[in-house]
N, C-alpha and C. Protein backbone atom coordinates (compact mmCIF):
# COMPACT_ATOMS: atom_id res chain seq x y z
N MET A 1 -96.41 179.90 -117.14
CA MET A 1 -96.89 179.57 -118.45
C MET A 1 -95.97 178.51 -119.05
N HIS A 2 -96.56 177.53 -119.74
CA HIS A 2 -95.80 176.48 -120.42
C HIS A 2 -95.84 176.75 -121.93
N ILE A 3 -94.68 176.58 -122.59
CA ILE A 3 -94.61 176.78 -124.03
C ILE A 3 -94.21 175.46 -124.67
N MET A 4 -95.02 175.00 -125.63
CA MET A 4 -94.72 173.82 -126.42
C MET A 4 -94.68 174.27 -127.87
N ALA A 5 -93.65 173.86 -128.60
CA ALA A 5 -93.46 174.35 -129.97
C ALA A 5 -93.76 173.26 -130.99
N PHE A 6 -93.67 173.65 -132.25
CA PHE A 6 -93.93 172.77 -133.39
C PHE A 6 -92.78 172.93 -134.37
N ASP A 7 -92.08 171.88 -134.66
CA ASP A 7 -90.89 171.85 -135.51
C ASP A 7 -89.64 172.29 -134.73
N ILE A 8 -88.50 172.13 -135.35
CA ILE A 8 -87.22 172.36 -134.67
C ILE A 8 -86.44 173.46 -135.38
N ASP A 9 -85.98 174.42 -134.60
CA ASP A 9 -85.06 175.43 -135.10
C ASP A 9 -84.13 175.81 -133.94
N ASN A 10 -83.13 176.64 -134.22
CA ASN A 10 -82.14 176.99 -133.20
C ASN A 10 -82.75 177.71 -132.00
N VAL A 11 -83.72 178.59 -132.25
CA VAL A 11 -84.36 179.33 -131.16
C VAL A 11 -85.11 178.37 -130.24
N THR A 12 -85.82 177.41 -130.81
CA THR A 12 -86.56 176.44 -130.01
C THR A 12 -85.61 175.57 -129.20
N ILE A 13 -84.51 175.13 -129.83
CA ILE A 13 -83.53 174.31 -129.11
C ILE A 13 -82.94 175.08 -127.93
N GLN A 14 -82.60 176.34 -128.16
CA GLN A 14 -82.08 177.17 -127.06
C GLN A 14 -83.12 177.34 -125.95
N GLY A 15 -84.37 177.49 -126.35
CA GLY A 15 -85.45 177.61 -125.37
C GLY A 15 -85.58 176.36 -124.52
N ILE A 16 -85.44 175.19 -125.13
CA ILE A 16 -85.49 173.93 -124.38
C ILE A 16 -84.29 173.83 -123.44
N GLU A 17 -83.11 174.14 -123.96
CA GLU A 17 -81.90 174.08 -123.13
C GLU A 17 -81.97 175.03 -121.95
N ASN A 18 -82.59 176.20 -122.13
CA ASN A 18 -82.70 177.20 -121.07
C ASN A 18 -83.93 177.01 -120.18
N GLY A 19 -84.76 176.03 -120.49
CA GLY A 19 -85.94 175.77 -119.68
C GLY A 19 -87.12 176.68 -119.96
N ILE A 20 -87.07 177.44 -121.03
CA ILE A 20 -88.18 178.34 -121.39
C ILE A 20 -89.26 177.58 -122.16
N VAL A 21 -88.84 176.68 -123.03
CA VAL A 21 -89.76 175.86 -123.84
C VAL A 21 -89.71 174.44 -123.27
N ILE A 22 -90.89 173.83 -123.03
CA ILE A 22 -90.89 172.48 -122.46
C ILE A 22 -90.65 171.40 -123.51
N GLY A 23 -90.91 171.70 -124.78
CA GLY A 23 -90.67 170.71 -125.81
C GLY A 23 -91.17 171.16 -127.17
N THR A 24 -90.89 170.33 -128.17
CA THR A 24 -91.36 170.59 -129.52
C THR A 24 -91.60 169.27 -130.23
N VAL A 25 -92.38 169.30 -131.28
CA VAL A 25 -92.70 168.11 -132.06
C VAL A 25 -91.98 168.20 -133.40
N ASP A 26 -91.18 167.18 -133.70
CA ASP A 26 -90.52 167.09 -135.00
C ASP A 26 -91.35 166.17 -135.87
N GLN A 27 -91.71 166.63 -137.05
CA GLN A 27 -92.59 165.85 -137.94
C GLN A 27 -91.87 164.81 -138.78
N GLN A 28 -90.56 164.72 -138.68
CA GLN A 28 -89.78 163.78 -139.48
C GLN A 28 -89.94 164.06 -140.98
N PRO A 29 -89.64 165.29 -141.44
CA PRO A 29 -89.85 165.63 -142.84
C PRO A 29 -89.04 164.79 -143.81
N PHE A 30 -87.83 164.36 -143.42
CA PHE A 30 -87.04 163.51 -144.32
C PHE A 30 -87.78 162.21 -144.59
N ALA A 31 -88.29 161.59 -143.53
CA ALA A 31 -89.02 160.33 -143.70
C ALA A 31 -90.28 160.53 -144.53
N GLN A 32 -90.96 161.67 -144.34
CA GLN A 32 -92.18 161.93 -145.11
C GLN A 32 -91.89 162.08 -146.59
N GLY A 33 -90.70 162.51 -146.96
CA GLY A 33 -90.34 162.62 -148.37
C GLY A 33 -89.69 161.37 -148.91
N PHE A 34 -88.89 160.70 -148.09
CA PHE A 34 -88.12 159.53 -148.53
C PHE A 34 -88.99 158.29 -148.70
N LEU A 35 -89.82 158.01 -147.71
CA LEU A 35 -90.61 156.77 -147.75
C LEU A 35 -91.55 156.68 -148.96
N PRO A 36 -92.24 157.75 -149.36
CA PRO A 36 -93.08 157.63 -150.56
C PRO A 36 -92.28 157.28 -151.82
N VAL A 37 -91.06 157.80 -151.92
CA VAL A 37 -90.22 157.48 -153.08
C VAL A 37 -89.84 156.00 -153.07
N VAL A 38 -89.47 155.49 -151.91
CA VAL A 38 -89.13 154.07 -151.79
C VAL A 38 -90.35 153.21 -152.13
N GLU A 39 -91.51 153.57 -151.58
CA GLU A 39 -92.72 152.79 -151.85
C GLU A 39 -93.09 152.82 -153.33
N MET A 40 -92.92 153.96 -153.99
CA MET A 40 -93.22 154.04 -155.42
C MET A 40 -92.26 153.17 -156.22
N HIS A 41 -90.98 153.18 -155.85
CA HIS A 41 -89.99 152.34 -156.52
C HIS A 41 -90.36 150.86 -156.38
N LEU A 42 -90.69 150.45 -155.18
CA LEU A 42 -91.06 149.06 -154.95
C LEU A 42 -92.30 148.67 -155.76
N TYR A 43 -93.24 149.58 -155.88
CA TYR A 43 -94.46 149.30 -156.63
C TYR A 43 -94.18 149.21 -158.13
N LEU A 44 -93.43 150.19 -158.66
CA LEU A 44 -93.18 150.22 -160.10
C LEU A 44 -92.27 149.09 -160.58
N TYR A 45 -91.27 148.74 -159.79
CA TYR A 45 -90.30 147.74 -160.23
C TYR A 45 -90.65 146.32 -159.81
N TYR A 46 -91.35 146.16 -158.69
CA TYR A 46 -91.59 144.81 -158.17
C TYR A 46 -93.07 144.51 -157.94
N GLY A 47 -93.93 145.50 -158.16
CA GLY A 47 -95.36 145.28 -157.98
C GLY A 47 -95.80 145.17 -156.53
N ILE A 48 -94.96 145.58 -155.61
CA ILE A 48 -95.32 145.52 -154.19
C ILE A 48 -96.20 146.72 -153.86
N VAL A 49 -97.42 146.43 -153.45
CA VAL A 49 -98.37 147.49 -153.14
C VAL A 49 -98.05 148.06 -151.76
N PRO A 50 -97.92 149.37 -151.65
CA PRO A 50 -97.59 149.96 -150.34
C PRO A 50 -98.74 149.81 -149.36
N PRO A 51 -98.43 149.88 -148.08
CA PRO A 51 -99.51 149.79 -147.08
C PRO A 51 -100.46 150.97 -147.20
N TYR A 52 -101.69 150.76 -146.77
CA TYR A 52 -102.70 151.81 -146.85
C TYR A 52 -102.31 153.03 -146.01
N ASN A 53 -101.76 152.78 -144.84
CA ASN A 53 -101.41 153.86 -143.93
C ASN A 53 -100.00 153.62 -143.40
N MET A 54 -99.15 154.61 -143.53
CA MET A 54 -97.79 154.49 -143.03
C MET A 54 -97.48 155.73 -142.19
N THR A 55 -97.06 155.51 -140.96
CA THR A 55 -96.76 156.63 -140.08
C THR A 55 -95.24 156.82 -139.99
N THR A 56 -94.84 158.07 -139.87
CA THR A 56 -93.41 158.37 -139.73
C THR A 56 -93.04 158.66 -138.28
N GLU A 57 -93.99 158.47 -137.38
CA GLU A 57 -93.75 158.64 -135.95
C GLU A 57 -93.09 159.96 -135.60
N PRO A 58 -93.84 160.94 -135.21
CA PRO A 58 -93.24 162.22 -134.80
C PRO A 58 -92.33 162.01 -133.60
N PHE A 59 -91.33 162.86 -133.49
CA PHE A 59 -90.36 162.79 -132.39
C PHE A 59 -90.60 163.97 -131.46
N ILE A 60 -90.74 163.69 -130.18
CA ILE A 60 -90.93 164.74 -129.18
C ILE A 60 -89.55 165.11 -128.63
N LEU A 61 -89.17 166.35 -128.85
CA LEU A 61 -87.88 166.85 -128.38
C LEU A 61 -88.12 167.67 -127.12
N ASN A 62 -87.49 167.25 -126.02
CA ASN A 62 -87.59 167.98 -124.75
C ASN A 62 -86.26 167.87 -124.01
N LYS A 63 -86.21 168.32 -122.76
CA LYS A 63 -84.94 168.31 -122.04
C LYS A 63 -84.41 166.90 -121.81
N HIS A 64 -85.28 165.89 -121.89
CA HIS A 64 -84.85 164.51 -121.69
C HIS A 64 -84.36 163.85 -122.98
N THR A 65 -84.77 164.38 -124.14
CA THR A 65 -84.40 163.76 -125.42
C THR A 65 -83.51 164.63 -126.29
N ILE A 66 -83.18 165.83 -125.83
CA ILE A 66 -82.42 166.76 -126.67
C ILE A 66 -81.03 166.21 -127.00
N TYR A 67 -80.46 165.40 -126.10
CA TYR A 67 -79.15 164.84 -126.38
C TYR A 67 -79.18 163.91 -127.59
N LEU A 68 -80.30 163.23 -127.82
CA LEU A 68 -80.42 162.36 -129.00
C LEU A 68 -80.35 163.18 -130.28
N TYR A 69 -81.04 164.30 -130.28
CA TYR A 69 -81.05 165.19 -131.45
C TYR A 69 -79.66 165.76 -131.69
N GLN A 70 -79.00 166.21 -130.63
CA GLN A 70 -77.66 166.78 -130.76
C GLN A 70 -76.66 165.72 -131.23
N TYR A 71 -76.79 164.50 -130.75
CA TYR A 71 -75.92 163.40 -131.18
C TYR A 71 -76.11 163.12 -132.67
N GLN A 72 -77.36 163.12 -133.12
CA GLN A 72 -77.64 162.88 -134.53
C GLN A 72 -77.05 164.00 -135.40
N LEU A 73 -77.18 165.24 -134.97
CA LEU A 73 -76.61 166.36 -135.73
C LEU A 73 -75.10 166.22 -135.84
N GLU A 74 -74.44 165.86 -134.75
CA GLU A 74 -72.99 165.69 -134.78
C GLU A 74 -72.59 164.55 -135.71
N ALA A 75 -73.32 163.44 -135.67
CA ALA A 75 -73.01 162.29 -136.53
C ALA A 75 -73.16 162.65 -138.00
N VAL A 76 -74.20 163.37 -138.33
CA VAL A 76 -74.44 163.76 -139.72
C VAL A 76 -73.38 164.77 -140.17
N SER A 77 -72.99 165.68 -139.28
CA SER A 77 -71.97 166.67 -139.61
C SER A 77 -70.63 166.01 -139.92
N GLU A 78 -70.32 164.94 -139.22
CA GLU A 78 -69.06 164.23 -139.45
C GLU A 78 -69.05 163.54 -140.81
N LEU A 79 -70.22 163.19 -141.33
CA LEU A 79 -70.31 162.54 -142.63
C LEU A 79 -70.13 163.51 -143.77
N SER A 80 -70.39 164.79 -143.53
CA SER A 80 -70.30 165.80 -144.59
C SER A 80 -68.87 166.14 -144.92
């Protein structure tokens, strides 16, 4: 049986590392919240109309890409 998950949490990450879960989809929630605020600012202050459709490109986390996620977590942790 193959297991594919939705969103990222510690249990899912452990499942990927242990080979139980083949992958998960990250929806990029930060980008989904940040980009609309930027677009509204640009519209209100400069009159720049936002594009009709803007994608935040979901990220597929699996055994081949998990190191990217772990690297990003470490980099963000160092900034705190």
